[in-house]
Amino acid sequence: MAKKKNNSTAKKVLVGAGLAAGAALAAYLLTSPKDRKKAAIKIKSWMNEMQKETAEKVKKAQGLTQEKYNQIVDEVKPKYEVLKDVSATELSSFADELKSHWKNISSAAKKISAGKKK
């Protein structure tokens, strides 16, 4: 049963990251019409990968705190810094957006740990 609730935490991470991805995608769509489709596909791709990797690490984390969550995001981030289609500004904005979803994640984590105590 706890495993099912753990997936709920991961889903909240993915939803929050999806919202951030949508915001960055909107910014790209406001750029030159010629390259919009290509740019949108590239951005969506790396953002999805980053949010999935973050969610997987969150699922495996023991005693998740805000500091640990931020550390997970920071651990995942360097992998995407080397991609040619990712600007430093976009990556930092997306990482900050992931970190800003801590309140949703922490409430889910509290529910999970309360369920485990019973």
PDB file of N, CA and C in Angstrom:
ATOM      1  N   MET A   1       0.819  -1.187   0.000  1.00  0.00           N
ATOM      2  CA  MET A   1       0.000   0.000   0.000  1.00  0.00           C
ATOM      3  C   MET A   1       0.865   1.253   0.000  1.00  0.00           C
ATOM      4  N   ALA A   2       1.949   1.235   0.775  1.00  0.00           N
ATOM      5  CA  ALA A   2       2.836   2.394   0.828  1.00  0.00           C
ATOM      6  C   ALA A   2       3.441   2.664  -0.536  1.00  0.00           C
ATOM      7  N   LYS A   3       3.657   1.620  -1.298  1.00  0.00           N
ATOM      8  CA  LYS A   3       4.235   1.778  -2.625  1.00  0.00           C
ATOM      9  C   LYS A   3       3.304   2.614  -3.500  1.00  0.00           C
ATOM     10  N   LYS A   4       2.012   2.379  -3.389  1.00  0.00           N
ATOM     11  CA  LYS A   4       1.031   3.120  -4.166  1.00  0.00           C
ATOM     12  C   LYS A   4       1.064   4.604  -3.786  1.00  0.00           C
ATOM     13  N   LYS A   5       1.154   4.907  -2.504  1.00  0.00           N
ATOM     14  CA  LYS A   5       1.228   6.287  -2.061  1.00  0.00           C
ATOM     15  C   LYS A   5       2.525   6.935  -2.520  1.00  0.00           C
ATOM     16  N   ASN A   6       3.600   6.180  -2.554  1.00  0.00           N
ATOM     17  CA  ASN A   6       4.877   6.692  -3.018  1.00  0.00           C
ATOM     18  C   ASN A   6       4.765   7.145  -4.471  1.00  0.00           C
ATOM     19  N   ASN A   7       3.997   6.414  -5.276  1.00  0.00           N
ATOM     20  CA  ASN A   7       3.768   6.805  -6.650  1.00  0.00           C
ATOM     21  C   ASN A   7       3.014   8.116  -6.706  1.00  0.00           C
ATOM     22  N   SER A   8       2.166   8.383  -5.716  1.00  0.00           N
ATOM     23  CA  SER A   8       1.434   9.634  -5.652  1.00  0.00           C
ATOM     24  C   SER A   8       2.400  10.810  -5.507  1.00  0.00           C
ATOM     25  N   THR A   9       3.444  10.642  -4.696  1.00  0.00           N
ATOM     26  CA  THR A   9       4.452  11.686  -4.546  1.00  0.00           C
ATOM     27  C   THR A   9       5.151  11.922  -5.869  1.00  0.00           C
ATOM     28  N   ALA A  10       5.506  10.863  -6.533  1.00  0.00           N
ATOM     29  CA  ALA A  10       6.175  10.988  -7.824  1.00  0.00           C
ATOM     30  C   ALA A  10       5.265  11.685  -8.838  1.00  0.00           C
ATOM     31  N   LYS A  11       3.988  11.373  -8.791  1.00  0.00           N
ATOM     32  CA  LYS A  11       3.044  12.018  -9.705  1.00  0.00           C
ATOM     33  C   LYS A  11       2.980  13.514  -9.456  1.00  0.00           C
ATOM     34  N   LYS A  12       3.013  13.927  -8.178  1.00  0.00           N
ATOM     35  CA  LYS A  12       2.984  15.352  -7.871  1.00  0.00           C
ATOM     36  C   LYS A  12       4.235  16.039  -8.392  1.00  0.00           C
ATOM     37  N   VAL A  13       5.376  15.362  -8.287  1.00  0.00           N
ATOM     38  CA  VAL A  13       6.619  15.918  -8.828  1.00  0.00           C
ATOM     39  C   VAL A  13       6.478  16.082 -10.333  1.00  0.00           C
ATOM     40  N   LEU A  14       5.944  15.067 -10.986  1.00  0.00           N
ATOM     41  CA  LEU A  14       5.801  15.113 -12.436  1.00  0.00           C
ATOM     42  C   LEU A  14       4.807  16.188 -12.868  1.00  0.00           C
ATOM     43  N   VAL A  15       3.722  16.349 -12.127  1.00  0.00           N
ATOM     44  CA  VAL A  15       2.744  17.381 -12.461  1.00  0.00           C
ATOM     45  C   VAL A  15       3.369  18.765 -12.319  1.00  0.00           C
ATOM     46  N   GLY A  16       4.081  18.989 -11.227  1.00  0.00           N
ATOM     47  CA  GLY A  16       4.740  20.275 -11.030  1.00  0.00           C
ATOM     48  C   GLY A  16       5.765  20.544 -12.102  1.00  0.00           C
ATOM     49  N   ALA A  17       6.530  19.535 -12.429  1.00  0.00           N
ATOM     50  CA  ALA A  17       7.535  19.685 -13.473  1.00  0.00           C
ATOM     51  C   ALA A  17       6.864  19.907 -14.824  1.00  0.00           C
ATOM     52  N   GLY A  18       5.741  19.268 -15.025  1.00  0.00           N
ATOM     53  CA  GLY A  18       5.000  19.464 -16.271  1.00  0.00           C
ATOM     54  C   GLY A  18       4.530  20.899 -16.428  1.00  0.00           C
ATOM     55  N   LEU A  19       4.105  21.498 -15.322  1.00  0.00           N
ATOM     56  CA  LEU A  19       3.705  22.909 -15.362  1.00  0.00           C
ATOM     57  C   LEU A  19       4.892  23.793 -15.726  1.00  0.00           C
ATOM     58  N   ALA A  20       6.045  23.490 -15.163  1.00  0.00           N
ATOM     59  CA  ALA A  20       7.248  24.250 -15.486  1.00  0.00           C
ATOM     60  C   ALA A  20       7.627  24.054 -16.948  1.00  0.00           C
ATOM     61  N   ALA A  21       7.492  22.834 -17.420  1.00  0.00           N
ATOM     62  CA  ALA A  21       7.798  22.545 -18.818  1.00  0.00           C
ATOM     63  C   ALA A  21       6.873  23.333 -19.736  1.00  0.00           C
ATOM     64  N   GLY A  22       5.623  23.428 -19.359  1.00  0.00           N
ATOM     65  CA  GLY A  22       4.663  24.194 -20.150  1.00  0.00           C
ATOM     66  C   GLY A  22       5.030  25.660 -20.222  1.00  0.00           C
ATOM     67  N   ALA A  23       5.509  26.211 -19.114  1.00  0.00           N
ATOM     68  CA  ALA A  23       5.908  27.623 -19.101  1.00  0.00           C
ATOM     69  C   ALA A  23       7.110  27.860 -20.010  1.00  0.00           C
ATOM     70  N   ALA A  24       8.080  26.971 -19.946  1.00  0.00           N
ATOM     71  CA  ALA A  24       9.262  27.120 -20.801  1.00  0.00           C
ATOM     72  C   ALA A  24       8.890  26.904 -22.260  1.00  0.00           C
ATOM     73  N   LEU A  25       7.995  25.980 -22.503  1.00  0.00           N
ATOM     74  CA  LEU A  25       7.552  25.720 -23.860  1.00  0.00           C
ATOM     75  C   LEU A  25       6.843  26.952 -24.422  1.00  0.00           C
ATOM     76  N   ALA A  26       6.042  27.600 -23.605  1.00  0.00           N
ATOM     77  CA  ALA A  26       5.363  28.816 -24.038  1.00  0.00           C
ATOM     78  C   ALA A  26       6.369  29.899 -24.405  1.00  0.00           C
ATOM     79  N   ALA A  27       7.436  30.015 -23.636  1.00  0.00           N
ATOM     80  CA  ALA A  27       8.472  31.002 -23.932  1.00  0.00           C
ATOM     81  C   ALA A  27       9.111  30.717 -25.293  1.00  0.00           C
ATOM     82  N   TYR A  28       9.337  29.450 -25.565  1.00  0.00           N
ATOM     83  CA  TYR A  28       9.926  29.087 -26.858  1.00  0.00           C
ATOM     84  C   TYR A  28       8.969  29.363 -28.005  1.00  0.00           C
ATOM     85  N   LEU A  29       7.705  29.142 -27.768  1.00  0.00           N
ATOM     86  CA  LEU A  29       6.731  29.374 -28.822  1.00  0.00           C
ATOM     87  C   LEU A  29       6.612  30.849 -29.180  1.00  0.00           C
ATOM     88  N   LEU A  30       7.072  31.700 -28.307  1.00  0.00           N
ATOM     89  CA  LEU A  30       7.051  33.128 -28.589  1.00  0.00           C
ATOM     90  C   LEU A  30       8.279  33.566 -29.387  1.00  0.00           C
ATOM     91  N   THR A  31       9.181  32.644 -29.679  1.00  0.00           N
ATOM     92  CA  THR A  31      10.367  32.956 -30.475  1.00  0.00           C
ATOM     93  C   THR A  31      10.029  32.860 -31.956  1.00  0.00           C
ATOM     94  N   SER A  32      11.032  32.852 -32.789  1.00  0.00           N
ATOM     95  CA  SER A  32      10.821  32.895 -34.238  1.00  0.00           C
ATOM     96  C   SER A  32       9.911  31.762 -34.724  1.00  0.00           C
ATOM     97  N   PRO A  33       8.923  32.091 -35.518  1.00  0.00           N
ATOM     98  CA  PRO A  33       7.964  31.088 -35.987  1.00  0.00           C
ATOM     99  C   PRO A  33       8.616  29.962 -36.782  1.00  0.00           C
ATOM    100  N   LYS A  34       9.709  30.253 -37.409  1.00  0.00           N
ATOM    101  CA  LYS A  34      10.395  29.288 -38.259  1.00  0.00           C
ATOM    102  C   LYS A  34      10.889  28.065 -37.468  1.00  0.00           C
ATOM    103  N   ASP A  35      11.410  28.315 -36.284  1.00  0.00           N
ATOM    104  CA  ASP A  35      12.013  27.245 -35.492  1.00  0.00           C
ATOM    105  C   ASP A  35      11.172  26.785 -34.308  1.00  0.00           C
ATOM    106  N   ARG A  36       9.965  27.234 -34.226  1.00  0.00           N
ATOM    107  CA  ARG A  36       9.131  26.919 -33.057  1.00  0.00           C
ATOM    108  C   ARG A  36       8.937  25.430 -32.832  1.00  0.00           C
ATOM    109  N   LYS A  37       8.561  24.731 -33.856  1.00  0.00           N
ATOM    110  CA  LYS A  37       8.232  23.317 -33.685  1.00  0.00           C
ATOM    111  C   LYS A  37       9.453  22.514 -33.246  1.00  0.00           C
ATOM    112  N   LYS A  38      10.584  22.731 -33.897  1.00  0.00           N
ATOM    113  CA  LYS A  38      11.813  22.030 -33.526  1.00  0.00           C
ATOM    114  C   LYS A  38      12.212  22.358 -32.101  1.00  0.00           C
ATOM    115  N   ALA A  39      12.193  23.644 -31.777  1.00  0.00           N
ATOM    116  CA  ALA A  39      12.599  24.085 -30.444  1.00  0.00           C
ATOM    117  C   ALA A  39      11.681  23.508 -29.372  1.00  0.00           C
ATOM    118  N   ALA A  40      10.390  23.510 -29.646  1.00  0.00           N
ATOM    119  CA  ALA A  40       9.421  22.995 -28.675  1.00  0.00           C
ATOM    120  C   ALA A  40       9.654  21.517 -28.400  1.00  0.00           C
ATOM    121  N   ILE A  41       9.931  20.765 -29.434  1.00  0.00           N
ATOM    122  CA  ILE A  41      10.174  19.326 -29.278  1.00  0.00           C
ATOM    123  C   ILE A  41      11.424  19.081 -28.448  1.00  0.00           C
ATOM    124  N   LYS A  42      12.479  19.840 -28.712  1.00  0.00           N
ATOM    125  CA  LYS A  42      13.735  19.663 -27.981  1.00  0.00           C
ATOM    126  C   LYS A  42      13.567  20.016 -26.508  1.00  0.00           C
ATOM    127  N   ILE A  43      12.902  21.124 -26.245  1.00  0.00           N
ATOM    128  CA  ILE A  43      12.707  21.547 -24.849  1.00  0.00           C
ATOM    129  C   ILE A  43      11.861  20.534 -24.099  1.00  0.00           C
ATOM    130  N   LYS A  44      10.772  20.136 -24.702  1.00  0.00           N
ATOM    131  CA  LYS A  44       9.884  19.186 -24.038  1.00  0.00           C
ATOM    132  C   LYS A  44      10.622  17.887 -23.733  1.00  0.00           C
ATOM    133  N   SER A  45      11.466  17.474 -24.634  1.00  0.00           N
ATOM    134  CA  SER A  45      12.196  16.234 -24.465  1.00  0.00           C
ATOM    135  C   SER A  45      13.122  16.270 -23.247  1.00  0.00           C
ATOM    136  N   TRP A  46      13.987  17.286 -23.156  1.00  0.00           N
ATOM    137  CA  TRP A  46      14.931  17.294 -22.029  1.00  0.00           C
ATOM    138  C   TRP A  46      14.237  17.590 -20.715  1.00  0.00           C
ATOM    139  N   MET A  47      13.174  18.379 -20.737  1.00  0.00           N
ATOM    140  CA  MET A  47      12.451  18.656 -19.498  1.00  0.00           C
ATOM    141  C   MET A  47      11.757  17.397 -18.975  1.00  0.00           C
ATOM    142  N   ASN A  48      11.178  16.634 -19.880  1.00  0.00           N
ATOM    143  CA  ASN A  48      10.539  15.384 -19.471  1.00  0.00           C
ATOM    144  C   ASN A  48      11.557  14.430 -18.865  1.00  0.00           C
ATOM    145  N   GLU A  49      12.707  14.332 -19.489  1.00  0.00           N
ATOM    146  CA  GLU A  49      13.755  13.452 -18.969  1.00  0.00           C
ATOM    147  C   GLU A  49      14.213  13.907 -17.582  1.00  0.00           C
ATOM    148  N   MET A  50      14.396  15.193 -17.414  1.00  0.00           N
ATOM    149  CA  MET A  50      14.865  15.720 -16.129  1.00  0.00           C
ATOM    150  C   MET A  50      13.828  15.490 -15.030  1.00  0.00           C
ATOM    151  N   GLN A  51      12.566  15.727 -15.345  1.00  0.00           N
ATOM    152  CA  GLN A  51      11.538  15.534 -14.319  1.00  0.00           C
ATOM    153  C   GLN A  51      11.382  14.061 -13.972  1.00  0.00           C
ATOM    154  N   LYS A  52      11.505  13.162 -14.944  1.00  0.00           N
ATOM    155  CA  LYS A  52      11.410  11.730 -14.658  1.00  0.00           C
ATOM    156  C   LYS A  52      12.572  11.275 -13.777  1.00  0.00           C
ATOM    157  N   GLU A  53      13.763  11.741 -14.104  1.00  0.00           N
ATOM    158  CA  GLU A  53      14.939  11.365 -13.319  1.00  0.00           C
ATOM    159  C   GLU A  53      14.822  11.884 -11.883  1.00  0.00           C
ATOM    160  N   THR A  54      14.327  13.105 -11.737  1.00  0.00           N
ATOM    161  CA  THR A  54      14.126  13.681 -10.405  1.00  0.00           C
ATOM    162  C   THR A  54      13.085  12.871  -9.632  1.00  0.00           C
ATOM    163  N   ALA A  55      11.991  12.525 -10.285  1.00  0.00           N
ATOM    164  CA  ALA A  55      10.930  11.758  -9.627  1.00  0.00           C
ATOM    165  C   ALA A  55      11.429  10.387  -9.173  1.00  0.00           C
ATOM    166  N   GLU A  56      12.243   9.736  -9.983  1.00  0.00           N
ATOM    167  CA  GLU A  56      12.798   8.431  -9.610  1.00  0.00           C
ATOM    168  C   GLU A  56      13.672   8.543  -8.361  1.00  0.00           C
ATOM    169  N   LYS A  57      14.488   9.581  -8.295  1.00  0.00           N
ATOM    170  CA  LYS A  57      15.354   9.764  -7.131  1.00  0.00           C
ATOM    171  C   LYS A  57      14.535  10.125  -5.893  1.00  0.00           C
ATOM    172  N   VAL A  58      13.471  10.876  -6.071  1.00  0.00           N
ATOM    173  CA  VAL A  58      12.593  11.231  -4.948  1.00  0.00           C
ATOM    174  C   VAL A  58      11.936   9.971  -4.396  1.00  0.00           C
ATOM    175  N   LYS A  59      11.508   9.075  -5.273  1.00  0.00           N
ATOM    176  CA  LYS A  59      10.872   7.827  -4.828  1.00  0.00           C
ATOM    177  C   LYS A  59      11.823   7.001  -3.975  1.00  0.00           C
ATOM    178  N   LYS A  60      13.096   7.011  -4.310  1.00  0.00           N
ATOM    179  CA  LYS A  60      14.095   6.199  -3.609  1.00  0.00           C
ATOM    180  C   LYS A  60      14.624   6.871  -2.339  1.00  0.00           C
ATOM    181  N   ALA A  61      14.397   8.160  -2.187  1.00  0.00           N
ATOM    182  CA  ALA A  61      14.951   8.908  -1.049  1.00  0.00           C
ATOM    183  C   ALA A  61      14.311   8.467   0.260  1.00  0.00           C
ATOM    184  N   GLN A  62      15.139   8.369   1.277  1.00  0.00           N
ATOM    185  CA  GLN A  62      14.669   8.045   2.628  1.00  0.00           C
ATOM    186  C   GLN A  62      14.651   9.338   3.444  1.00  0.00           C
ATOM    187  N   GLY A  63      13.608   9.571   4.207  1.00  0.00           N
ATOM    188  CA  GLY A  63      13.530  10.766   5.041  1.00  0.00           C
ATOM    189  C   GLY A  63      13.652  12.039   4.218  1.00  0.00           C
ATOM    190  N   LEU A  64      12.802  12.182   3.234  1.00  0.00           N
ATOM    191  CA  LEU A  64      12.866  13.320   2.319  1.00  0.00           C
ATOM    192  C   LEU A  64      12.616  14.637   3.054  1.00  0.00           C
ATOM    193  N   THR A  65      13.561  15.553   2.917  1.00  0.00           N
ATOM    194  CA  THR A  65      13.434  16.901   3.457  1.00  0.00           C
ATOM    195  C   THR A  65      13.584  17.870   2.291  1.00  0.00           C
ATOM    196  N   GLN A  66      13.306  19.131   2.544  1.00  0.00           N
ATOM    197  CA  GLN A  66      13.454  20.124   1.484  1.00  0.00           C
ATOM    198  C   GLN A  66      14.913  20.192   1.020  1.00  0.00           C
ATOM    199  N   GLU A  67      15.820  20.105   1.975  1.00  0.00           N
ATOM    200  CA  GLU A  67      17.242  20.149   1.636  1.00  0.00           C
ATOM    201  C   GLU A  67      17.624  18.958   0.743  1.00  0.00           C
ATOM    202  N   LYS A  68      17.142  17.776   1.096  1.00  0.00           N
ATOM    203  CA  LYS A  68      17.432  16.590   0.286  1.00  0.00           C
ATOM    204  C   LYS A  68      16.793  16.701  -1.093  1.00  0.00           C
ATOM    205  N   TYR A  69      15.572  17.213  -1.132  1.00  0.00           N
ATOM    206  CA  TYR A  69      14.881  17.369  -2.419  1.00  0.00           C
ATOM    207  C   TYR A  69      15.651  18.333  -3.319  1.00  0.00           C
ATOM    208  N   ASN A  70      16.050  19.476  -2.767  1.00  0.00           N
ATOM    209  CA  ASN A  70      16.827  20.437  -3.548  1.00  0.00           C
ATOM    210  C   ASN A  70      18.145  19.827  -4.004  1.00  0.00           C
ATOM    211  N   GLN A  71      18.738  19.021  -3.155  1.00  0.00           N
ATOM    212  CA  GLN A  71      19.987  18.349  -3.498  1.00  0.00           C
ATOM    213  C   GLN A  71      19.768  17.371  -4.665  1.00  0.00           C
ATOM    214  N   ILE A  72      18.643  16.683  -4.664  1.00  0.00           N
ATOM    215  CA  ILE A  72      18.324  15.765  -5.765  1.00  0.00           C
ATOM    216  C   ILE A  72      18.221  16.540  -7.074  1.00  0.00           C
ATOM    217  N   VAL A  73      17.512  17.655  -7.055  1.00  0.00           N
ATOM    218  CA  VAL A  73      17.381  18.480  -8.263  1.00  0.00           C
ATOM    219  C   VAL A  73      18.758  18.944  -8.725  1.00  0.00           C
ATOM    220  N   ASP A  74      19.587  19.381  -7.766  1.00  0.00           N
ATOM    221  CA  ASP A  74      20.936  19.843  -8.106  1.00  0.00           C
ATOM    222  C   ASP A  74      21.823  18.716  -8.626  1.00  0.00           C
ATOM    223  N   GLU A  75      21.598  17.492  -8.175  1.00  0.00           N
ATOM    224  CA  GLU A  75      22.364  16.342  -8.662  1.00  0.00           C
ATOM    225  C   GLU A  75      21.981  15.986 -10.099  1.00  0.00           C
ATOM    226  N   VAL A  76      20.723  16.153 -10.428  1.00  0.00           N
ATOM    227  CA  VAL A  76      20.229  15.814 -11.760  1.00  0.00           C
ATOM    228  C   VAL A  76      20.616  16.892 -12.782  1.00  0.00           C
ATOM    229  N   LYS A  77      20.644  18.114 -12.358  1.00  0.00           N
ATOM    230  CA  LYS A  77      20.847  19.268 -13.247  1.00  0.00           C
ATOM    231  C   LYS A  77      22.112  19.209 -14.115  1.00  0.00           C
ATOM    232  N   PRO A  78      23.293  18.860 -13.592  1.00  0.00           N
ATOM    233  CA  PRO A  78      24.510  18.896 -14.425  1.00  0.00           C
ATOM    234  C   PRO A  78      24.454  18.018 -15.680  1.00  0.00           C
ATOM    235  N   LYS A  79      23.701  16.954 -15.613  1.00  0.00           N
ATOM    236  CA  LYS A  79      23.571  16.063 -16.777  1.00  0.00           C
ATOM    237  C   LYS A  79      22.998  16.822 -17.976  1.00  0.00           C
ATOM    238  N   TYR A  80      22.159  17.805 -17.706  1.00  0.00           N
ATOM    239  CA  TYR A  80      21.471  18.532 -18.768  1.00  0.00           C
ATOM    240  C   TYR A  80      22.211  19.812 -19.177  1.00  0.00           C
ATOM    241  N   GLU A  81      23.210  20.206 -18.401  1.00  0.00           N
ATOM    242  CA  GLU A  81      23.990  21.395 -18.733  1.00  0.00           C
ATOM    243  C   GLU A  81      24.827  21.196 -19.992  1.00  0.00           C
ATOM    244  N   VAL A  82      25.173  19.965 -20.294  1.00  0.00           N
ATOM    245  CA  VAL A  82      26.034  19.683 -21.439  1.00  0.00           C
ATOM    246  C   VAL A  82      25.267  19.546 -22.753  1.00  0.00           C
ATOM    247  N   LEU A  83      23.957  19.494 -22.697  1.00  0.00           N
ATOM    248  CA  LEU A  83      23.172  19.375 -23.916  1.00  0.00           C
ATOM    249  C   LEU A  83      23.230  20.678 -24.708  1.00  0.00           C
ATOM    250  N   LYS A  84      23.419  20.570 -26.000  1.00  0.00           N
ATOM    251  CA  LYS A  84      23.560  21.775 -26.817  1.00  0.00           C
ATOM    252  C   LYS A  84      22.247  22.539 -26.970  1.00  0.00           C
ATOM    253  N   ASP A  85      21.124  21.864 -26.807  1.00  0.00           N
ATOM    254  CA  ASP A  85      19.824  22.511 -26.984  1.00  0.00           C
ATOM    255  C   ASP A  85      19.283  23.143 -25.708  1.00  0.00           C
ATOM    256  N   VAL A  86      20.081  23.118 -24.644  1.00  0.00           N
ATOM    257  CA  VAL A  86      19.623  23.641 -23.359  1.00  0.00           C
ATOM    258  C   VAL A  86      20.467  24.847 -22.975  1.00  0.00           C
ATOM    259  N   SER A  87      19.806  25.981 -22.808  1.00  0.00           N
ATOM    260  CA  SER A  87      20.547  27.155 -22.350  1.00  0.00           C
ATOM    261  C   SER A  87      20.644  27.125 -20.829  1.00  0.00           C
ATOM    262  N   ALA A  88      21.668  27.751 -20.309  1.00  0.00           N
ATOM    263  CA  ALA A  88      21.866  27.793 -18.860  1.00  0.00           C
ATOM    264  C   ALA A  88      20.683  28.462 -18.172  1.00  0.00           C
ATOM    265  N   THR A  89      20.131  29.476 -18.798  1.00  0.00           N
ATOM    266  CA  THR A  89      18.994  30.203 -18.231  1.00  0.00           C
ATOM    267  C   THR A  89      17.763  29.302 -18.138  1.00  0.00           C
ATOM    268  N   GLU A  90      17.490  28.574 -19.208  1.00  0.00           N
ATOM    269  CA  GLU A  90      16.335  27.667 -19.207  1.00  0.00           C
ATOM    270  C   GLU A  90      16.494  26.583 -18.152  1.00  0.00           C
ATOM    271  N   LEU A  91      17.679  26.032 -18.086  1.00  0.00           N
ATOM    272  CA  LEU A  91      17.927  24.954 -17.133  1.00  0.00           C
ATOM    273  C   LEU A  91      17.790  25.448 -15.696  1.00  0.00           C
ATOM    274  N   SER A  92      18.355  26.607 -15.400  1.00  0.00           N
ATOM    275  CA  SER A  92      18.246  27.167 -14.046  1.00  0.00           C
ATOM    276  C   SER A  92      16.793  27.470 -13.692  1.00  0.00           C
ATOM    277  N   SER A  93      16.062  28.000 -14.653  1.00  0.00           N
ATOM    278  CA  SER A  93      14.649  28.312 -14.417  1.00  0.00           C
ATOM    279  C   SER A  93      13.847  27.051 -14.138  1.00  0.00           C
ATOM    280  N   PHE A  94      14.128  26.011 -14.901  1.00  0.00           N
ATOM    281  CA  PHE A  94      13.403  24.761 -14.710  1.00  0.00           C
ATOM    282  C   PHE A  94      13.763  24.115 -13.371  1.00  0.00           C
ATOM    283  N   ALA A  95      15.045  24.143 -13.014  1.00  0.00           N
ATOM    284  CA  ALA A  95      15.472  23.592 -11.718  1.00  0.00           C
ATOM    285  C   ALA A  95      14.809  24.365 -10.574  1.00  0.00           C
ATOM    286  N   ASP A  96      14.759  25.690 -10.688  1.00  0.00           N
ATOM    287  CA  ASP A  96      14.095  26.508  -9.662  1.00  0.00           C
ATOM    288  C   ASP A  96      12.608  26.178  -9.582  1.00  0.00           C
ATOM    289  N   GLU A  97      12.007  25.943 -10.734  1.00  0.00           N
ATOM    290  CA  GLU A  97      10.588  25.595 -10.761  1.00  0.00           C
ATOM    291  C   GLU A  97      10.352  24.252 -10.060  1.00  0.00           C
ATOM    292  N   LEU A  98      11.222  23.284 -10.323  1.00  0.00           N
ATOM    293  CA  LEU A  98      11.100  21.991  -9.634  1.00  0.00           C
ATOM    294  C   LEU A  98      11.232  22.174  -8.125  1.00  0.00           C
ATOM    295  N   LYS A  99      12.181  22.971  -7.711  1.00  0.00           N
ATOM    296  CA  LYS A  99      12.397  23.211  -6.285  1.00  0.00           C
ATOM    297  C   LYS A  99      11.201  23.923  -5.649  1.00  0.00           C
ATOM    298  N   SER A 100      10.527  24.759  -6.405  1.00  0.00           N
ATOM    299  CA  SER A 100       9.396  25.520  -5.860  1.00  0.00           C
ATOM    300  C   SER A 100       8.190  24.634  -5.536  1.00  0.00           C
ATOM    301  N   HIS A 101       8.195  23.418  -6.006  1.00  0.00           N
ATOM    302  CA  HIS A 101       7.078  22.511  -5.749  1.00  0.00           C
ATOM    303  C   HIS A 101       7.262  21.697  -4.472  1.00  0.00           C
ATOM    304  N   TRP A 102       8.185  22.115  -3.625  1.00  0.00           N
ATOM    305  CA  TRP A 102       8.469  21.385  -2.394  1.00  0.00           C
ATOM    306  C   TRP A 102       7.240  21.243  -1.507  1.00  0.00           C
ATOM    307  N   LYS A 103       6.402  22.272  -1.405  1.00  0.00           N
ATOM    308  CA  LYS A 103       5.233  22.202  -0.514  1.00  0.00           C
ATOM    309  C   LYS A 103       4.314  21.031  -0.889  1.00  0.00           C
ATOM    310  N   ASN A 104       4.064  20.859  -2.174  1.00  0.00           N
ATOM    311  CA  ASN A 104       3.217  19.740  -2.629  1.00  0.00           C
ATOM    312  C   ASN A 104       3.879  18.410  -2.316  1.00  0.00           C
ATOM    313  N   ILE A 105       5.163  18.344  -2.549  1.00  0.00           N
ATOM    314  CA  ILE A 105       5.896  17.102  -2.340  1.00  0.00           C
ATOM    315  C   ILE A 105       5.987  16.776  -0.855  1.00  0.00           C
ATOM    316  N   SER A 106       6.232  17.791  -0.032  1.00  0.00           N
ATOM    317  CA  SER A 106       6.365  17.545   1.403  1.00  0.00           C
ATOM    318  C   SER A 106       5.056  17.070   2.016  1.00  0.00           C
ATOM    319  N   SER A 107       3.928  17.625   1.566  1.00  0.00           N
ATOM    320  CA  SER A 107       2.650  17.168   2.120  1.00  0.00           C
ATOM    321  C   SER A 107       2.395  15.719   1.737  1.00  0.00           C
ATOM    322  N   ALA A 108       2.763  15.337   0.540  1.00  0.00           N
ATOM    323  CA  ALA A 108       2.604  13.940   0.127  1.00  0.00           C
ATOM    324  C   ALA A 108       3.563  13.047   0.906  1.00  0.00           C
ATOM    325  N   ALA A 109       4.777  13.518   1.129  1.00  0.00           N
ATOM    326  CA  ALA A 109       5.768  12.731   1.880  1.00  0.00           C
ATOM    327  C   ALA A 109       5.318  12.524   3.320  1.00  0.00           C
ATOM    328  N   LYS A 110       4.691  13.531   3.934  1.00  0.00           N
ATOM    329  CA  LYS A 110       4.187  13.401   5.300  1.00  0.00           C
ATOM    330  C   LYS A 110       3.091  12.352   5.378  1.00  0.00           C
ATOM    331  N   LYS A 111       2.217  12.343   4.375  1.00  0.00           N
ATOM    332  CA  LYS A 111       1.144  11.353   4.348  1.00  0.00           C
ATOM    333  C   LYS A 111       1.711   9.948   4.230  1.00  0.00           C
ATOM    334  N   ILE A 112       2.741   9.806   3.407  1.00  0.00           N
ATOM    335  CA  ILE A 112       3.369   8.496   3.222  1.00  0.00           C
ATOM    336  C   ILE A 112       4.016   8.022   4.520  1.00  0.00           C
ATOM    337  N   SER A 113       4.780   8.914   5.170  1.00  0.00           N
ATOM    338  CA  SER A 113       5.451   8.504   6.406  1.00  0.00           C
ATOM    339  C   SER A 113       4.443   8.233   7.524  1.00  0.00           C
ATOM    340  N   ALA A 114       3.324   8.949   7.556  1.00  0.00           N
ATOM    341  CA  ALA A 114       2.296   8.690   8.556  1.00  0.00           C
ATOM    342  C   ALA A 114       1.672   7.319   8.316  1.00  0.00           C
ATOM    343  N   GLY A 115       1.501   6.963   7.064  1.00  0.00           N
ATOM    344  CA  GLY A 115       0.931   5.654   6.715  1.00  0.00           C
ATOM    345  C   GLY A 115       1.872   4.516   7.091  1.00  0.00           C
ATOM    346  N   LYS A 116       3.165   4.741   7.013  1.00  0.00           N
ATOM    347  CA  LYS A 116       4.155   3.715   7.341  1.00  0.00           C
ATOM    348  C   LYS A 116       4.229   3.472   8.847  1.00  0.00           C
ATOM    349  N   LYS A 117       3.945   4.490   9.665  1.00  0.00           N
ATOM    350  CA  LYS A 117       4.018   4.372  11.120  1.00  0.00           C
ATOM    351  C   LYS A 117       2.929   3.474  11.685  1.00  0.00           C
ATOM    352  N   LYS A 118       1.816   3.396  10.976  1.00  0.00           N
ATOM    353  CA  LYS A 118       0.667   2.612  11.472  1.00  0.00           C
ATOM    354  C   LYS A 118       0.925   1.157  11.442  1.00  0.00           C
TER     355      LYS A 118
END
